[in-house]
């Protein structure tokens, strides 16, 4: 099989199965695992897959920069945001991650809801200005422009001095094996710091993120309270997560 044919085979397998196991592909095609790994390196360099131990997973479309992500799955994000906003109680304290789904949560919150919102996102803080009854606490640090959030040691230290009832966390990838992932190591560390300061943490993930993976793990499944998604409940990934005991809140 020519290299171009192997490439198409791998991409088709990724689309159909949601993963590539290098040793299985090598046995199927009668080639070495090294050849498969080289093909996967080439695909990964083009942003067509996320390499993991033993093979590859679909790459998340949410690794694009903040501006580009604003046009990705806006309806799904609104549905997810509506469910998340319904969990915020009057007088409650909420840690709100950055990102486009978190911004949709701000828009879904009642303008007169008395609450406290803690965020490391200047974009989120600015969007809350018109919420007259909301107290806003902005955590500072080095701004990671790709996602318009504060990251780094100063931001993590600031996060360690707050606490909240809820944390709504955004990720770029949701996969049973790879877990909850994002594309930057410091951003992943900041998300862990935020989640550690809330009684309950819910992950916000519109359907395009389900079954995909990015490079850096954020949290293991047992450290979240639930997943809010608009993905079909019969999606194989959602069914597997539910079978593992992950609470899945469906956004319709």
Protein backbone atom coordinates (compact mmCIF):
# COMPACT_ATOMS: atom_id res chain seq x y z
CA UNK A 1 0.00 0.00 0.00
CA UNK A 2 1.36 3.38 -1.01
CA UNK A 3 1.92 6.12 1.57
CA UNK A 4 -1.01 8.16 0.20
CA UNK A 5 -3.28 5.12 0.44
CA UNK A 6 -2.16 4.43 4.03
CA UNK A 7 -2.89 8.05 4.88
CA UNK A 8 -6.44 7.80 3.56
CA UNK A 9 -6.91 4.49 5.35
CA UNK A 10 -5.80 5.99 8.65
CA UNK A 11 -8.04 9.01 8.30
CA UNK A 12 -11.00 6.78 7.41
CA UNK A 13 -10.28 4.54 10.39
CA UNK A 14 -10.10 7.57 12.68
CA UNK A 15 -13.45 8.83 11.39
CA UNK A 16 -15.15 5.43 11.71
CA UNK A 17 -13.65 4.08 14.93
CA UNK A 18 -12.68 7.25 16.77
CA UNK A 19 -9.17 5.95 17.41
CA UNK A 20 -6.16 4.30 15.79
CA UNK A 21 -4.22 1.49 17.47
CA UNK A 22 -0.86 1.36 15.73
CA UNK A 23 -0.15 -2.34 16.32
CA UNK A 24 -3.58 -3.32 14.97
CA UNK A 25 -3.13 -1.24 11.82
CA UNK A 26 0.36 -2.66 11.31
CA UNK A 27 -0.97 -6.22 11.57
CA UNK A 28 -3.89 -5.45 9.26
CA UNK A 29 -1.71 -3.90 6.55
CA UNK A 30 1.29 -6.17 7.00
CA UNK A 31 3.70 -3.32 7.73
CA UNK A 32 5.84 -2.33 10.70
CA UNK A 33 4.54 -0.31 13.64
CA UNK A 34 7.32 2.18 12.90
CA UNK A 35 5.76 2.84 9.50
CA UNK A 36 2.36 3.46 11.09
CA UNK A 37 3.90 5.75 13.70
CA UNK A 38 5.66 7.76 10.97
CA UNK A 39 2.35 8.14 9.16
CA UNK A 40 0.70 9.31 12.38
CA UNK A 41 3.49 11.82 13.02
CA UNK A 42 2.87 13.27 9.56
CA UNK A 43 -0.88 13.49 10.15
CA UNK A 44 -0.36 15.06 13.57
CA UNK A 45 1.98 17.68 12.10
CA UNK A 46 -0.87 18.70 9.79
CA UNK A 47 -3.31 18.90 12.72
CA UNK A 48 -5.30 15.88 11.53
CA UNK A 49 -4.94 13.70 14.61
CA UNK A 50 -3.70 13.77 18.19
CA UNK A 51 -1.00 11.21 18.83
CA UNK A 52 -1.30 9.22 22.06
CA UNK A 53 0.52 6.23 23.48
CA UNK A 54 -0.02 3.34 21.09
CA UNK A 55 -1.77 5.27 18.33
CA UNK A 56 -3.90 8.36 17.75
CA UNK A 57 -7.24 10.00 18.54
CA UNK A 58 -9.32 12.61 16.70
CA UNK A 59 -7.96 16.10 17.20
CA UNK A 60 -10.25 18.68 18.80
CA UNK A 61 -11.51 21.57 16.62
CA UNK A 62 -11.50 23.70 19.77
CA UNK A 63 -7.73 24.19 19.81
CA UNK A 64 -8.05 27.20 17.51
CA UNK A 65 -7.56 30.66 19.00
CA UNK A 66 -10.32 32.50 20.84
CA UNK A 67 -11.51 34.54 17.88
CA UNK A 68 -11.73 31.50 15.59
CA UNK A 69 -13.61 29.47 18.24
CA UNK A 70 -16.38 32.03 18.43
CA UNK A 71 -17.83 30.66 15.18
CA UNK A 72 -17.56 26.98 16.17
CA UNK A 73 -20.83 25.26 17.24
CA UNK A 74 -22.56 28.39 18.63
CA UNK A 75 -25.93 26.61 18.99
CA UNK A 76 -24.40 23.74 20.95
CA UNK A 77 -22.60 26.15 23.24
CA UNK A 78 -25.81 28.06 23.91
CA UNK A 79 -27.60 24.82 24.85
CA UNK A 80 -24.79 23.77 27.18
CA UNK A 81 -24.68 27.25 28.70
CA UNK A 82 -28.42 27.25 29.41
CA UNK A 83 -28.14 24.05 31.47
CA UNK A 84 -25.08 25.36 33.31
CA UNK A 85 -26.74 28.67 34.14
CA UNK A 86 -29.67 26.78 35.63
CA UNK A 87 -27.35 25.27 38.24
CA UNK A 88 -26.35 28.67 39.66
CA UNK A 89 -28.42 29.53 42.72
CA UNK A 90 -29.16 33.05 44.04
CA UNK A 91 -26.42 34.09 46.42
CA UNK A 92 -24.10 31.36 45.19
CA UNK A 93 -20.43 31.66 44.26
CA UNK A 94 -19.28 30.46 40.85
CA UNK A 95 -15.81 29.96 39.40
CA UNK A 96 -16.14 30.50 35.67
CA UNK A 97 -13.43 29.43 33.27
CA UNK A 98 -12.60 31.41 30.15
CA UNK A 99 -13.58 30.53 26.60
CA UNK A 100 -16.53 30.85 24.29
CA UNK A 101 -18.80 28.40 26.12
CA UNK A 102 -18.15 30.20 29.40
CA UNK A 103 -19.07 33.47 27.69
CA UNK A 104 -22.33 31.85 26.60
CA UNK A 105 -22.96 31.00 30.27
CA UNK A 106 -22.67 34.70 31.14
CA UNK A 107 -25.27 35.51 28.49
CA UNK A 108 -27.54 32.77 29.87
CA UNK A 109 -27.42 34.00 33.48
CA UNK A 110 -30.36 36.21 34.51
CA UNK A 111 -29.22 39.84 34.56
CA UNK A 112 -30.68 40.33 38.04
CA UNK A 113 -29.26 37.16 39.61
CA UNK A 114 -27.41 37.93 42.87
CA UNK A 115 -24.24 35.86 42.78
CA UNK A 116 -20.47 36.02 42.98
CA UNK A 117 -18.44 35.13 39.90
CA UNK A 118 -14.73 34.43 40.15
CA UNK A 119 -12.87 34.24 36.84
CA UNK A 120 -9.40 34.50 35.35
CA UNK A 121 -10.82 35.76 32.07
CA UNK A 122 -10.94 39.52 31.38
CA UNK A 123 -13.49 38.77 28.66
CA UNK A 124 -15.82 37.06 31.12
CA UNK A 125 -15.37 39.82 33.71
CA UNK A 126 -16.19 42.51 31.15
CA UNK A 127 -19.29 40.63 29.97
CA UNK A 128 -20.60 40.59 33.56
CA UNK A 129 -20.46 44.38 33.99
CA UNK A 130 -24.12 44.75 33.03
CA UNK A 131 -25.19 42.11 35.59
CA UNK A 132 -26.01 44.61 38.32
CA UNK A 133 -26.41 42.06 41.12
CA UNK A 134 -23.29 40.03 40.35
CA UNK A 135 -20.07 40.54 42.29
CA UNK A 136 -17.05 40.04 40.03
CA UNK A 137 -13.61 38.87 41.16
CA UNK A 138 -10.94 38.85 38.45
CA UNK A 139 -7.87 36.71 39.10
CA UNK A 140 -4.73 38.23 37.62
CA UNK A 141 -1.59 36.86 36.04
CA UNK A 142 0.10 36.53 32.68
CA UNK A 143 -2.50 36.70 29.92
CA UNK A 144 -2.50 33.68 27.63
CA UNK A 145 -3.73 35.46 24.50
CA UNK A 146 -4.72 32.28 22.67
CA UNK A 147 -7.61 31.79 25.10
CA UNK A 148 -7.83 35.29 26.63
CA UNK A 149 -7.25 34.05 30.19
CA UNK A 150 -4.69 34.59 32.94
CA UNK A 151 -2.28 31.71 33.53
CA UNK A 152 1.04 31.09 35.22
CA UNK A 153 2.26 31.06 38.82
CA UNK A 154 0.61 34.33 39.87
CA UNK A 155 -2.79 33.24 38.56
CA UNK A 156 -2.55 29.80 40.19
CA UNK A 157 -1.58 31.40 43.52
CA UNK A 158 -4.55 33.78 43.29
CA UNK A 159 -6.87 30.85 42.60
CA UNK A 160 -5.67 29.07 45.73
CA UNK A 161 -7.12 31.87 47.87
CA UNK A 162 -10.74 31.66 46.70
CA UNK A 163 -13.55 29.15 47.09
CA UNK A 164 -16.91 28.62 45.44
CA UNK A 165 -19.97 26.40 45.27
CA UNK A 166 -19.57 25.65 41.58
CA UNK A 167 -16.86 25.64 38.93
CA UNK A 168 -17.71 25.55 35.23
CA UNK A 169 -14.68 24.33 33.34
CA UNK A 170 -14.05 24.37 29.61
CA UNK A 171 -11.88 21.77 27.87
CA UNK A 172 -11.00 21.14 24.24
CA UNK A 173 -11.21 17.35 24.32
CA UNK A 174 -13.45 14.80 26.04
CA UNK A 175 -12.44 11.17 25.62
CA UNK A 176 -12.98 8.10 27.84
CA UNK A 177 -9.31 7.11 27.72
CA UNK A 178 -7.47 10.40 27.17
CA UNK A 179 -9.74 12.10 29.68
CA UNK A 180 -10.41 15.83 29.81
CA UNK A 181 -7.74 17.65 27.82
CA UNK A 182 -6.62 21.03 26.55
CA UNK A 183 -3.87 22.30 24.28
CA UNK A 184 -1.58 24.21 26.67
CA UNK A 185 0.22 22.94 29.78
CA UNK A 186 -0.11 26.15 31.82
CA UNK A 187 -3.77 26.50 30.93
CA UNK A 188 -4.34 22.91 32.06
CA UNK A 189 -2.62 23.69 35.38
CA UNK A 190 -4.80 26.76 35.85
CA UNK A 191 -7.94 24.76 35.21
CA UNK A 192 -6.89 22.23 37.84
CA UNK A 193 -6.26 25.06 40.32
CA UNK A 194 -9.73 26.49 39.69
CA UNK A 195 -11.50 23.14 39.96
CA UNK A 196 -9.76 22.42 43.26
CA UNK A 197 -11.44 25.47 44.84
CA UNK A 198 -15.06 24.51 44.16
CA UNK A 199 -17.41 22.09 45.89
CA UNK A 200 -18.66 20.85 42.51
CA UNK A 201 -17.01 21.06 39.10
CA UNK A 202 -18.92 20.61 35.87
CA UNK A 203 -17.24 20.36 32.49
CA UNK A 204 -18.86 22.28 29.64
CA UNK A 205 -18.44 20.47 26.32
CA UNK A 206 -20.48 20.98 23.18
CA UNK A 207 -20.73 17.95 20.91
CA UNK A 208 -17.78 18.74 18.60
CA UNK A 209 -15.40 18.11 21.54
CA UNK A 210 -16.78 14.67 22.38
CA UNK A 211 -14.47 11.83 21.40
CA UNK A 212 -11.52 14.12 20.70
CA UNK A 213 -8.26 14.79 22.51
CA UNK A 214 -5.64 17.49 22.98
CA UNK A 215 -2.11 17.22 24.30
CA UNK A 216 -2.47 18.01 28.02
CA UNK A 217 -4.74 16.32 30.54
CA UNK A 218 -6.73 18.60 32.83
CA UNK A 219 -8.50 16.29 35.28
CA UNK A 220 -9.36 12.63 35.75
CA UNK A 221 -13.03 11.73 35.53
CA UNK A 222 -13.38 11.01 39.24
CA UNK A 223 -12.56 14.64 40.11
CA UNK A 224 -15.55 16.19 38.34
CA UNK A 225 -19.19 16.25 39.37
CA UNK A 226 -20.56 15.95 35.87
CA UNK A 227 -20.37 16.68 32.15
CA UNK A 228 -22.80 19.09 30.45
CA UNK A 229 -23.10 18.41 26.73
CA UNK A 230 -25.49 18.58 23.81
CA UNK A 231 -24.09 15.37 22.34
CA UNK A 232 -26.53 12.57 21.51
CA UNK A 233 -26.95 10.35 24.60
CA UNK A 234 -26.52 7.36 22.25
CA UNK A 235 -23.11 8.59 21.14
CA UNK A 236 -20.71 5.71 21.97
CA UNK A 237 -18.45 8.03 23.97
CA UNK A 238 -21.35 9.36 26.04
CA UNK A 239 -22.66 5.85 26.63
CA UNK A 240 -19.23 4.68 27.79
CA UNK A 241 -18.84 7.63 30.16
CA UNK A 242 -22.31 7.09 31.61
CA UNK A 243 -21.47 3.42 32.06
CA UNK A 244 -18.40 4.43 34.06
CA UNK A 245 -20.58 6.44 36.42
CA UNK A 246 -19.96 9.92 35.00
CA UNK A 247 -23.04 12.10 35.45
CA UNK A 248 -24.00 13.45 32.04
CA UNK A 249 -26.39 16.43 31.97
CA UNK A 250 -27.95 16.61 28.54
CA UNK A 251 -28.37 20.02 26.94
CA UNK A 252 -31.32 19.97 24.55
